[in-house]
Amino acid sequence: MIGAIIGAIIGGLIIGVLARMVLPGKQDLSIVMTIVIGIVSSFVASLIVGLVGYNNNDGIAWIPLIVGVIVACIAIVIYGNMTGKKQLNR
């Protein structure tokens, strides 16, 4: 149980950071919010990939990772628009 929680936090951090690296400009987003968006995006991406019928039995699951980063990018933009924290293009 605790291992799954730690795994979700680490996976969320990785997906959130990758999404912030993909988006242009600087996002005004805390590390905690990056992790939360990454965890939620990972969950949503797993649902999307599962509905499509993707099944990975060995190696790194690249498709869910890529979909998770895309979902996280969308979530970061939506979060920025909702909170008024726009991206700084510097």
PDB file of N, CA and C in Angstrom:
ATOM      1  N   MET A   1       0.821  -1.195   0.000  1.00  0.00           N
ATOM      2  CA  MET A   1       0.000   0.000   0.000  1.00  0.00           C
ATOM      3  C   MET A   1       0.866   1.261   0.000  1.00  0.00           C
ATOM      4  N   ILE A   2       1.818   1.333   0.921  1.00  0.00           N
ATOM      5  CA  ILE A   2       2.673   2.511   0.999  1.00  0.00           C
ATOM      6  C   ILE A   2       3.581   2.595  -0.225  1.00  0.00           C
ATOM      7  N   GLY A   3       3.974   1.433  -0.763  1.00  0.00           N
ATOM      8  CA  GLY A   3       4.801   1.418  -1.969  1.00  0.00           C
ATOM      9  C   GLY A   3       4.048   1.962  -3.169  1.00  0.00           C
ATOM     10  N   ALA A   4       2.756   1.676  -3.252  1.00  0.00           N
ATOM     11  CA  ALA A   4       1.933   2.187  -4.355  1.00  0.00           C
ATOM     12  C   ALA A   4       1.784   3.701  -4.259  1.00  0.00           C
ATOM     13  N   ILE A   5       1.657   4.206  -3.050  1.00  0.00           N
ATOM     14  CA  ILE A   5       1.529   5.654  -2.862  1.00  0.00           C
ATOM     15  C   ILE A   5       2.826   6.354  -3.241  1.00  0.00           C
ATOM     16  N   ILE A   6       3.948   5.802  -2.793  1.00  0.00           N
ATOM     17  CA  ILE A   6       5.249   6.389  -3.140  1.00  0.00           C
ATOM     18  C   ILE A   6       5.480   6.306  -4.640  1.00  0.00           C
ATOM     19  N   GLY A   7       5.104   5.191  -5.249  1.00  0.00           N
ATOM     20  CA  GLY A   7       5.229   5.039  -6.702  1.00  0.00           C
ATOM     21  C   GLY A   7       4.383   6.049  -7.457  1.00  0.00           C
ATOM     22  N   ALA A   8       3.168   6.309  -6.972  1.00  0.00           N
ATOM     23  CA  ALA A   8       2.287   7.296  -7.609  1.00  0.00           C
ATOM     24  C   ALA A   8       2.869   8.697  -7.494  1.00  0.00           C
ATOM     25  N   ILE A   9       3.465   9.007  -6.351  1.00  0.00           N
ATOM     26  CA  ILE A   9       4.073  10.326  -6.164  1.00  0.00           C
ATOM     27  C   ILE A   9       5.270  10.498  -7.096  1.00  0.00           C
ATOM     28  N   ILE A  10       6.124   9.493  -7.175  1.00  0.00           N
ATOM     29  CA  ILE A  10       7.301   9.579  -8.041  1.00  0.00           C
ATOM     30  C   ILE A  10       6.883   9.631  -9.511  1.00  0.00           C
ATOM     31  N   GLY A  11       5.927   8.780  -9.893  1.00  0.00           N
ATOM     32  CA  GLY A  11       5.426   8.798 -11.277  1.00  0.00           C
ATOM     33  C   GLY A  11       4.769  10.122 -11.617  1.00  0.00           C
ATOM     34  N   GLY A  12       3.995  10.674 -10.679  1.00  0.00           N
ATOM     35  CA  GLY A  12       3.364  11.973 -10.891  1.00  0.00           C
ATOM     36  C   GLY A  12       4.391  13.081 -11.036  1.00  0.00           C
ATOM     37  N   LEU A  13       5.440  13.024 -10.251  1.00  0.00           N
ATOM     38  CA  LEU A  13       6.509  14.015 -10.353  1.00  0.00           C
ATOM     39  C   LEU A  13       7.174  13.937 -11.721  1.00  0.00           C
ATOM     40  N   ILE A  14       7.471  12.739 -12.181  1.00  0.00           N
ATOM     41  CA  ILE A  14       8.130  12.570 -13.479  1.00  0.00           C
ATOM     42  C   ILE A  14       7.236  13.082 -14.605  1.00  0.00           C
ATOM     43  N   ILE A  15       5.969  12.694 -14.602  1.00  0.00           N
ATOM     44  CA  ILE A  15       5.057  13.129 -15.656  1.00  0.00           C
ATOM     45  C   ILE A  15       4.838  14.638 -15.593  1.00  0.00           C
ATOM     46  N   GLY A  16       4.672  15.189 -14.397  1.00  0.00           N
ATOM     47  CA  GLY A  16       4.477  16.629 -14.254  1.00  0.00           C
ATOM     48  C   GLY A  16       5.680  17.430 -14.725  1.00  0.00           C
ATOM     49  N   VAL A  17       6.866  16.985 -14.366  1.00  0.00           N
ATOM     50  CA  VAL A  17       8.085  17.693 -14.776  1.00  0.00           C
ATOM     51  C   VAL A  17       8.290  17.589 -16.289  1.00  0.00           C
ATOM     52  N   LEU A  18       8.040  16.412 -16.853  1.00  0.00           N
ATOM     53  CA  LEU A  18       8.152  16.268 -18.311  1.00  0.00           C
ATOM     54  C   LEU A  18       7.163  17.179 -19.034  1.00  0.00           C
ATOM     55  N   ALA A  19       5.951  17.294 -18.505  1.00  0.00           N
ATOM     56  CA  ALA A  19       4.953  18.167 -19.123  1.00  0.00           C
ATOM     57  C   ALA A  19       5.386  19.624 -19.055  1.00  0.00           C
ATOM     58  N   ARG A  20       5.944  20.025 -17.925  1.00  0.00           N
ATOM     59  CA  ARG A  20       6.419  21.408 -17.807  1.00  0.00           C
ATOM     60  C   ARG A  20       7.593  21.677 -18.731  1.00  0.00           C
ATOM     61  N   MET A  21       8.407  20.654 -19.001  1.00  0.00           N
ATOM     62  CA  MET A  21       9.530  20.817 -19.918  1.00  0.00           C
ATOM     63  C   MET A  21       9.047  20.923 -21.364  1.00  0.00           C
ATOM     64  N   VAL A  22       7.956  20.244 -21.684  1.00  0.00           N
ATOM     65  CA  VAL A  22       7.426  20.265 -23.045  1.00  0.00           C
ATOM     66  C   VAL A  22       6.751  21.597 -23.352  1.00  0.00           C
ATOM     67  N   LEU A  23       6.048  22.155 -22.377  1.00  0.00           N
ATOM     68  CA  LEU A  23       5.340  23.419 -22.600  1.00  0.00           C
ATOM     69  C   LEU A  23       6.333  24.566 -22.745  1.00  0.00           C
ATOM     70  N   PRO A  24       6.071  25.464 -23.701  1.00  0.00           N
ATOM     71  CA  PRO A  24       6.969  26.614 -23.850  1.00  0.00           C
ATOM     72  C   PRO A  24       6.738  27.635 -22.738  1.00  0.00           C
ATOM     73  N   GLY A  25       7.750  28.393 -22.419  1.00  0.00           N
ATOM     74  CA  GLY A  25       7.631  29.426 -21.399  1.00  0.00           C
ATOM     75  C   GLY A  25       7.808  28.869 -19.998  1.00  0.00           C
ATOM     76  N   LYS A  26       7.629  29.751 -19.020  1.00  0.00           N
ATOM     77  CA  LYS A  26       7.767  29.376 -17.611  1.00  0.00           C
ATOM     78  C   LYS A  26       6.381  29.333 -16.987  1.00  0.00           C
ATOM     79  N   GLN A  27       6.073  28.213 -16.334  1.00  0.00           N
ATOM     80  CA  GLN A  27       4.788  28.072 -15.664  1.00  0.00           C
ATOM     81  C   GLN A  27       4.934  28.449 -14.197  1.00  0.00           C
ATOM     82  N   ASP A  28       3.994  29.232 -13.703  1.00  0.00           N
ATOM     83  CA  ASP A  28       3.991  29.628 -12.292  1.00  0.00           C
ATOM     84  C   ASP A  28       3.247  28.552 -11.517  1.00  0.00           C
ATOM     85  N   LEU A  29       3.972  27.455 -11.184  1.00  0.00           N
ATOM     86  CA  LEU A  29       3.352  26.270 -10.607  1.00  0.00           C
ATOM     87  C   LEU A  29       4.283  25.701  -9.542  1.00  0.00           C
ATOM     88  N   SER A  30       3.732  25.392  -8.374  1.00  0.00           N
ATOM     89  CA  SER A  30       4.555  24.825  -7.305  1.00  0.00           C
ATOM     90  C   SER A  30       4.865  23.357  -7.584  1.00  0.00           C
ATOM     91  N   ILE A  31       5.837  22.816  -6.884  1.00  0.00           N
ATOM     92  CA  ILE A  31       6.215  21.417  -7.064  1.00  0.00           C
ATOM     93  C   ILE A  31       5.094  20.495  -6.586  1.00  0.00           C
ATOM     94  N   VAL A  32       4.375  20.897  -5.542  1.00  0.00           N
ATOM     95  CA  VAL A  32       3.256  20.081  -5.049  1.00  0.00           C
ATOM     96  C   VAL A  32       2.157  20.008  -6.108  1.00  0.00           C
ATOM     97  N   MET A  33       1.845  21.146  -6.735  1.00  0.00           N
ATOM     98  CA  MET A  33       0.814  21.156  -7.777  1.00  0.00           C
ATOM     99  C   MET A  33       1.291  20.386  -9.003  1.00  0.00           C
ATOM    100  N   THR A  34       2.584  20.430  -9.298  1.00  0.00           N
ATOM    101  CA  THR A  34       3.137  19.647 -10.398  1.00  0.00           C
ATOM    102  C   THR A  34       2.933  18.160 -10.144  1.00  0.00           C
ATOM    103  N   ILE A  35       3.182  17.717  -8.912  1.00  0.00           N
ATOM    104  CA  ILE A  35       2.998  16.301  -8.554  1.00  0.00           C
ATOM    105  C   ILE A  35       1.524  15.918  -8.635  1.00  0.00           C
ATOM    106  N   VAL A  36       0.640  16.777  -8.098  1.00  0.00           N
ATOM    107  CA  VAL A  36      -0.793  16.477  -8.119  1.00  0.00           C
ATOM    108  C   VAL A  36      -1.305  16.375  -9.554  1.00  0.00           C
ATOM    109  N   ILE A  37      -0.936  17.326 -10.392  1.00  0.00           N
ATOM    110  CA  ILE A  37      -1.347  17.284 -11.801  1.00  0.00           C
ATOM    111  C   ILE A  37      -0.768  16.050 -12.479  1.00  0.00           C
ATOM    112  N   GLY A  38       0.469  15.704 -12.165  1.00  0.00           N
ATOM    113  CA  GLY A  38       1.088  14.509 -12.749  1.00  0.00           C
ATOM    114  C   GLY A  38       0.387  13.226 -12.333  1.00  0.00           C
ATOM    115  N   ILE A  39       0.007  13.116 -11.067  1.00  0.00           N
ATOM    116  CA  ILE A  39      -0.682  11.912 -10.583  1.00  0.00           C
ATOM    117  C   ILE A  39      -2.052  11.789 -11.236  1.00  0.00           C
ATOM    118  N   VAL A  40      -2.809  12.879 -11.262  1.00  0.00           N
ATOM    119  CA  VAL A  40      -4.134  12.846 -11.881  1.00  0.00           C
ATOM    120  C   VAL A  40      -4.020  12.556 -13.379  1.00  0.00           C
ATOM    121  N   SER A  41      -3.046  13.163 -14.032  1.00  0.00           N
ATOM    122  CA  SER A  41      -2.845  12.932 -15.468  1.00  0.00           C
ATOM    123  C   SER A  41      -2.440  11.490 -15.747  1.00  0.00           C
ATOM    124  N   SER A  42      -1.632  10.917 -14.890  1.00  0.00           N
ATOM    125  CA  SER A  42      -1.236   9.529 -15.052  1.00  0.00           C
ATOM    126  C   SER A  42      -2.441   8.606 -14.934  1.00  0.00           C
ATOM    127  N   PHE A  43      -3.307   8.888 -13.980  1.00  0.00           N
ATOM    128  CA  PHE A  43      -4.524   8.096 -13.798  1.00  0.00           C
ATOM    129  C   PHE A  43      -5.435   8.213 -15.020  1.00  0.00           C
ATOM    130  N   VAL A  44      -5.640   9.450 -15.494  1.00  0.00           N
ATOM    131  CA  VAL A  44      -6.493   9.665 -16.670  1.00  0.00           C
ATOM    132  C   VAL A  44      -5.887   8.994 -17.898  1.00  0.00           C
ATOM    133  N   ALA A  45      -4.576   9.105 -18.056  1.00  0.00           N
ATOM    134  CA  ALA A  45      -3.912   8.470 -19.201  1.00  0.00           C
ATOM    135  C   ALA A  45      -4.047   6.952 -19.145  1.00  0.00           C
ATOM    136  N   SER A  46      -3.949   6.387 -17.946  1.00  0.00           N
ATOM    137  CA  SER A  46      -4.130   4.936 -17.811  1.00  0.00           C
ATOM    138  C   SER A  46      -5.536   4.515 -18.218  1.00  0.00           C
ATOM    139  N   LEU A  47      -6.533   5.319 -17.851  1.00  0.00           N
ATOM    140  CA  LEU A  47      -7.906   5.023 -18.259  1.00  0.00           C
ATOM    141  C   LEU A  47      -8.062   5.116 -19.777  1.00  0.00           C
ATOM    142  N   ILE A  48      -7.508   6.163 -20.374  1.00  0.00           N
ATOM    143  CA  ILE A  48      -7.611   6.344 -21.829  1.00  0.00           C
ATOM    144  C   ILE A  48      -6.934   5.200 -22.559  1.00  0.00           C
ATOM    145  N   VAL A  49      -5.722   4.869 -22.152  1.00  0.00           N
ATOM    146  CA  VAL A  49      -4.968   3.805 -22.813  1.00  0.00           C
ATOM    147  C   VAL A  49      -5.651   2.458 -22.616  1.00  0.00           C
ATOM    148  N   GLY A  50      -6.227   2.246 -21.452  1.00  0.00           N
ATOM    149  CA  GLY A  50      -6.956   1.008 -21.195  1.00  0.00           C
ATOM    150  C   GLY A  50      -8.201   0.882 -22.046  1.00  0.00           C
ATOM    151  N   LEU A  51      -8.908   1.997 -22.234  1.00  0.00           N
ATOM    152  CA  LEU A  51     -10.107   1.973 -23.069  1.00  0.00           C
ATOM    153  C   LEU A  51      -9.781   1.697 -24.534  1.00  0.00           C
ATOM    154  N   VAL A  52      -8.616   2.168 -24.976  1.00  0.00           N
ATOM    155  CA  VAL A  52      -8.194   1.925 -26.357  1.00  0.00           C
ATOM    156  C   VAL A  52      -7.817   0.459 -26.546  1.00  0.00           C
ATOM    157  N   GLY A  53      -7.391  -0.193 -25.482  1.00  0.00           N
ATOM    158  CA  GLY A  53      -7.058  -1.609 -25.550  1.00  0.00           C
ATOM    159  C   GLY A  53      -5.570  -1.902 -25.575  1.00  0.00           C
ATOM    160  N   TYR A  54      -4.756  -0.913 -25.205  1.00  0.00           N
ATOM    161  CA  TYR A  54      -3.301  -1.102 -25.170  1.00  0.00           C
ATOM    162  C   TYR A  54      -2.940  -2.056 -24.043  1.00  0.00           C
ATOM    163  N   ASN A  55      -2.051  -2.990 -24.324  1.00  0.00           N
ATOM    164  CA  ASN A  55      -1.608  -3.949 -23.314  1.00  0.00           C
ATOM    165  C   ASN A  55      -0.101  -4.118 -23.445  1.00  0.00           C
ATOM    166  N   ASN A  56       0.627  -3.751 -22.407  1.00  0.00           N
ATOM    167  CA  ASN A  56       2.083  -3.861 -22.399  1.00  0.00           C
ATOM    168  C   ASN A  56       2.470  -4.893 -21.349  1.00  0.00           C
ATOM    169  N   ASN A  57       3.133  -5.941 -21.777  1.00  0.00           N
ATOM    170  CA  ASN A  57       3.502  -7.002 -20.844  1.00  0.00           C
ATOM    171  C   ASN A  57       4.970  -6.985 -20.461  1.00  0.00           C
ATOM    172  N   ASP A  58       5.781  -6.227 -21.168  1.00  0.00           N
ATOM    173  CA  ASP A  58       7.205  -6.223 -20.849  1.00  0.00           C
ATOM    174  C   ASP A  58       7.821  -4.877 -21.221  1.00  0.00           C
ATOM    175  N   GLY A  59       8.849  -4.521 -20.504  1.00  0.00           N
ATOM    176  CA  GLY A  59       9.566  -3.288 -20.790  1.00  0.00           C
ATOM    177  C   GLY A  59       8.863  -2.059 -20.233  1.00  0.00           C
ATOM    178  N   ILE A  60       9.313  -0.920 -20.708  1.00  0.00           N
ATOM    179  CA  ILE A  60       8.759   0.357 -20.267  1.00  0.00           C
ATOM    180  C   ILE A  60       7.491   0.638 -21.057  1.00  0.00           C
ATOM    181  N   ALA A  61       6.458   1.075 -20.379  1.00  0.00           N
ATOM    182  CA  ALA A  61       5.195   1.395 -21.034  1.00  0.00           C
ATOM    183  C   ALA A  61       5.277   2.819 -21.599  1.00  0.00           C
ATOM    184  N   TRP A  62       5.810   2.945 -22.800  1.00  0.00           N
ATOM    185  CA  TRP A  62       6.035   4.254 -23.407  1.00  0.00           C
ATOM    186  C   TRP A  62       4.732   4.960 -23.769  1.00  0.00           C
ATOM    187  N   ILE A  63       3.775   4.225 -24.299  1.00  0.00           N
ATOM    188  CA  ILE A  63       2.525   4.836 -24.743  1.00  0.00           C
ATOM    189  C   ILE A  63       1.785   5.498 -23.570  1.00  0.00           C
ATOM    190  N   PRO A  64       1.591   4.813 -22.441  1.00  0.00           N
ATOM    191  CA  PRO A  64       0.938   5.499 -21.316  1.00  0.00           C
ATOM    192  C   PRO A  64       1.739   6.699 -20.798  1.00  0.00           C
ATOM    193  N   LEU A  65       3.061   6.619 -20.858  1.00  0.00           N
ATOM    194  CA  LEU A  65       3.889   7.743 -20.422  1.00  0.00           C
ATOM    195  C   LEU A  65       3.674   8.952 -21.332  1.00  0.00           C
ATOM    196  N   ILE A  66       3.686   8.735 -22.636  1.00  0.00           N
ATOM    197  CA  ILE A  66       3.491   9.827 -23.590  1.00  0.00           C
ATOM    198  C   ILE A  66       2.089  10.423 -23.447  1.00  0.00           C
ATOM    199  N   VAL A  67       1.084   9.561 -23.330  1.00  0.00           N
ATOM    200  CA  VAL A  67      -0.286  10.051 -23.156  1.00  0.00           C
ATOM    201  C   VAL A  67      -0.400  10.815 -21.831  1.00  0.00           C
ATOM    202  N   GLY A  68       0.264  10.344 -20.793  1.00  0.00           N
ATOM    203  CA  GLY A  68       0.253  11.035 -19.506  1.00  0.00           C
ATOM    204  C   GLY A  68       0.856  12.427 -19.589  1.00  0.00           C
ATOM    205  N   VAL A  69       1.941  12.566 -20.323  1.00  0.00           N
ATOM    206  CA  VAL A  69       2.575  13.874 -20.486  1.00  0.00           C
ATOM    207  C   VAL A  69       1.654  14.808 -21.275  1.00  0.00           C
ATOM    208  N   ILE A  70       1.002  14.288 -22.314  1.00  0.00           N
ATOM    209  CA  ILE A  70       0.074  15.112 -23.100  1.00  0.00           C
ATOM    210  C   ILE A  70      -1.096  15.573 -22.229  1.00  0.00           C
ATOM    211  N   VAL A  71      -1.659  14.649 -21.460  1.00  0.00           N
ATOM    212  CA  VAL A  71      -2.766  15.004 -20.563  1.00  0.00           C
ATOM    213  C   VAL A  71      -2.297  16.013 -19.519  1.00  0.00           C
ATOM    214  N   ALA A  72      -1.090  15.851 -19.009  1.00  0.00           N
ATOM    215  CA  ALA A  72      -0.553  16.785 -18.005  1.00  0.00           C
ATOM    216  C   ALA A  72      -0.339  18.174 -18.617  1.00  0.00           C
ATOM    217  N   CYS A  73       0.113  18.236 -19.870  1.00  0.00           N
ATOM    218  CA  CYS A  73       0.268  19.535 -20.540  1.00  0.00           C
ATOM    219  C   CYS A  73      -1.076  20.252 -20.624  1.00  0.00           C
ATOM    220  N   ILE A  74      -2.093  19.516 -21.018  1.00  0.00           N
ATOM    221  CA  ILE A  74      -3.436  20.098 -21.106  1.00  0.00           C
ATOM    222  C   ILE A  74      -3.909  20.545 -19.726  1.00  0.00           C
ATOM    223  N   ALA A  75      -3.649  19.723 -18.708  1.00  0.00           N
ATOM    224  CA  ALA A  75      -4.071  20.058 -17.345  1.00  0.00           C
ATOM    225  C   ALA A  75      -3.343  21.289 -16.814  1.00  0.00           C
ATOM    226  N   ILE A  76      -2.072  21.445 -17.134  1.00  0.00           N
ATOM    227  CA  ILE A  76      -1.313  22.612 -16.681  1.00  0.00           C
ATOM    228  C   ILE A  76      -1.862  23.883 -17.313  1.00  0.00           C
ATOM    229  N   VAL A  77      -2.181  23.825 -18.594  1.00  0.00           N
ATOM    230  CA  VAL A  77      -2.750  24.995 -19.268  1.00  0.00           C
ATOM    231  C   VAL A  77      -4.123  25.336 -18.672  1.00  0.00           C
ATOM    232  N   ILE A  78      -4.951  24.316 -18.434  1.00  0.00           N
ATOM    233  CA  ILE A  78      -6.272  24.548 -17.833  1.00  0.00           C
ATOM    234  C   ILE A  78      -6.121  25.120 -16.422  1.00  0.00           C
ATOM    235  N   TYR A  79      -5.210  24.571 -15.640  1.00  0.00           N
ATOM    236  CA  TYR A  79      -4.972  25.074 -14.278  1.00  0.00           C
ATOM    237  C   TYR A  79      -4.515  26.539 -14.319  1.00  0.00           C
ATOM    238  N   GLY A  80      -3.621  26.847 -15.242  1.00  0.00           N
ATOM    239  CA  GLY A  80      -3.148  28.227 -15.376  1.00  0.00           C
ATOM    240  C   GLY A  80      -4.266  29.182 -15.743  1.00  0.00           C
ATOM    241  N   ASN A  81      -5.162  28.761 -16.622  1.00  0.00           N
ATOM    242  CA  ASN A  81      -6.285  29.613 -17.010  1.00  0.00           C
ATOM    243  C   ASN A  81      -7.296  29.769 -15.879  1.00  0.00           C
ATOM    244  N   MET A  82      -7.498  28.711 -15.093  1.00  0.00           N
ATOM    245  CA  MET A  82      -8.463  28.779 -13.992  1.00  0.00           C
ATOM    246  C   MET A  82      -7.971  29.641 -12.839  1.00  0.00           C
ATOM    247  N   THR A  83      -6.682  29.594 -12.564  1.00  0.00           N
ATOM    248  CA  THR A  83      -6.133  30.341 -11.423  1.00  0.00           C
ATOM    249  C   THR A  83      -5.618  31.723 -11.810  1.00  0.00           C
ATOM    250  N   GLY A  84      -5.567  32.002 -13.095  1.00  0.00           N
ATOM    251  CA  GLY A  84      -5.060  33.282 -13.545  1.00  0.00           C
ATOM    252  C   GLY A  84      -3.547  33.324 -13.604  1.00  0.00           C
ATOM    253  N   LYS A  85      -2.908  32.184 -13.410  1.00  0.00           N
ATOM    254  CA  LYS A  85      -1.446  32.097 -13.486  1.00  0.00           C
ATOM    255  C   LYS A  85      -1.050  31.723 -14.910  1.00  0.00           C
ATOM    256  N   LYS A  86      -0.897  32.712 -15.747  1.00  0.00           N
ATOM    257  CA  LYS A  86      -0.572  32.475 -17.151  1.00  0.00           C
ATOM    258  C   LYS A  86       0.902  32.104 -17.283  1.00  0.00           C
ATOM    259  N   GLN A  87       1.234  31.496 -18.415  1.00  0.00           N
ATOM    260  CA  GLN A  87       2.618  31.137 -18.681  1.00  0.00           C
ATOM    261  C   GLN A  87       3.391  32.391 -19.041  1.00  0.00           C
ATOM    262  N   LEU A  88       4.587  32.473 -18.547  1.00  0.00           N
ATOM    263  CA  LEU A  88       5.464  33.595 -18.860  1.00  0.00           C
ATOM    264  C   LEU A  88       6.352  33.196 -20.029  1.00  0.00           C
ATOM    265  N   ASN A  89       6.239  33.897 -21.131  1.00  0.00           N
ATOM    266  CA  ASN A  89       7.045  33.574 -22.312  1.00  0.00           C
ATOM    267  C   ASN A  89       8.319  34.388 -22.273  1.00  0.00           C
ATOM    268  N   ARG A  90       9.324  33.831 -21.635  1.00  0.00           N
ATOM    269  CA  ARG A  90      10.626  34.495 -21.530  1.00  0.00           C
ATOM    270  C   ARG A  90      11.671  33.648 -22.138  1.00  0.00           C
TER     271      ARG A  90
END
